[in-house]
């Protein structure tokens, strides 16, 4: 079997509103949890209680994600400020 060798370089990673995206997703997970909470009995009777706990877990992990991406965003901005301006070479 031949070893796979890339034929071209990988593209640059896409940068976008990462903090806003993670925050929005976390809000959606918590809203889904709150919407399902009144139906706790039905979920329990039908063996679907994990749906409720999946939404709560998604919201909790989203909070960790928000903390992480805010720190990453701050580190990227700090690195950009500390980077010396490039001087043109004559």
Protein backbone atom coordinates (compact mmCIF):
# COMPACT_ATOMS: atom_id res chain seq x y z
CA UNK A 1 0.00 0.00 0.00
CA UNK A 2 1.42 3.37 -1.01
CA UNK A 3 1.82 6.04 1.60
CA UNK A 4 -0.52 8.96 1.13
CA UNK A 5 1.37 12.11 0.24
CA UNK A 6 -0.52 15.39 -0.04
CA UNK A 7 -0.38 16.97 -3.47
CA UNK A 8 -0.89 20.54 -2.20
CA UNK A 9 -0.58 22.47 1.03
CA UNK A 10 -3.45 22.57 3.48
CA UNK A 11 -5.55 25.75 3.38
CA UNK A 12 -5.33 28.30 6.16
CA UNK A 13 -7.84 27.77 9.00
CA UNK A 14 -11.01 29.82 8.76
CA UNK A 15 -11.30 32.54 11.37
CA UNK A 16 -14.66 33.96 12.21
CA UNK A 17 -16.75 35.08 15.16
CA UNK A 18 -15.75 32.05 17.25
CA UNK A 19 -16.78 33.46 20.63
CA UNK A 20 -20.21 34.44 19.32
CA UNK A 21 -20.69 31.04 17.68
CA UNK A 22 -19.83 29.10 20.84
CA UNK A 23 -21.97 31.42 22.98
CA UNK A 24 -24.93 30.97 20.64
CA UNK A 25 -24.57 27.20 20.67
CA UNK A 26 -24.37 27.16 24.47
CA UNK A 27 -27.53 29.23 24.73
CA UNK A 28 -29.32 26.81 22.39
CA UNK A 29 -28.30 23.82 24.56
CA UNK A 30 -29.60 25.52 27.74
CA UNK A 31 -32.84 26.57 26.04
CA UNK A 32 -33.40 23.00 24.84
CA UNK A 33 -32.83 21.78 28.41
CA UNK A 34 -35.35 24.28 29.82
CA UNK A 35 -37.94 23.48 27.14
CA UNK A 36 -37.71 19.75 27.89
CA UNK A 37 -37.68 20.10 31.68
CA UNK A 38 -41.49 20.26 32.08
CA UNK A 39 -41.71 16.88 30.30
CA UNK A 40 -39.34 15.15 32.74
CA UNK A 41 -41.98 12.54 33.66
CA UNK A 42 -42.71 11.63 30.06
CA UNK A 43 -39.02 11.28 29.24
CA UNK A 44 -38.53 9.11 32.33
CA UNK A 45 -41.49 6.84 31.49
CA UNK A 46 -40.34 6.29 27.90
CA UNK A 47 -36.64 5.80 28.62
CA UNK A 48 -35.60 9.06 27.00
CA UNK A 49 -34.29 10.84 30.07
CA UNK A 50 -30.86 10.98 28.47
CA UNK A 51 -32.22 13.62 26.07
CA UNK A 52 -32.62 16.00 28.98
CA UNK A 53 -29.18 15.30 30.42
CA UNK A 54 -27.55 15.59 26.99
CA UNK A 55 -28.85 19.16 26.68
CA UNK A 56 -27.63 20.05 30.17
CA UNK A 57 -24.22 18.52 29.45
CA UNK A 58 -24.02 20.41 26.13
CA UNK A 59 -24.70 23.66 27.96
CA UNK A 60 -22.10 22.88 30.61
CA UNK A 61 -19.46 21.97 28.04
CA UNK A 62 -20.42 25.10 26.14
CA UNK A 63 -19.53 27.18 29.20
CA UNK A 64 -16.09 25.57 29.19
CA UNK A 65 -15.90 26.27 25.45
CA UNK A 66 -16.73 29.94 25.97
CA UNK A 67 -13.97 30.23 28.58
CA UNK A 68 -11.52 28.52 26.23
CA UNK A 69 -12.27 30.52 23.06
CA UNK A 70 -12.29 33.83 24.95
CA UNK A 71 -8.82 33.02 26.26
CA UNK A 72 -7.67 31.98 22.79
CA UNK A 73 -9.08 35.15 21.24
CA UNK A 74 -7.36 37.29 23.88
CA UNK A 75 -4.05 35.46 23.30
CA UNK A 76 -4.30 35.98 19.51
CA UNK A 77 -4.99 39.69 19.96
CA UNK A 78 -2.14 40.02 22.47
CA UNK A 79 0.26 38.25 20.09
CA UNK A 80 -0.81 40.52 17.23
CA UNK A 81 -0.11 43.63 19.35
CA UNK A 82 3.29 42.34 20.45
CA UNK A 83 4.39 41.41 16.94
CA UNK A 84 6.81 44.05 15.63
CA UNK A 85 5.82 45.90 12.53
CA UNK A 86 7.56 44.53 9.47
CA UNK A 87 9.97 46.96 7.88
CA UNK A 88 10.28 47.07 4.09
CA UNK A 89 13.58 45.78 2.72
CA UNK A 90 15.23 48.03 0.12
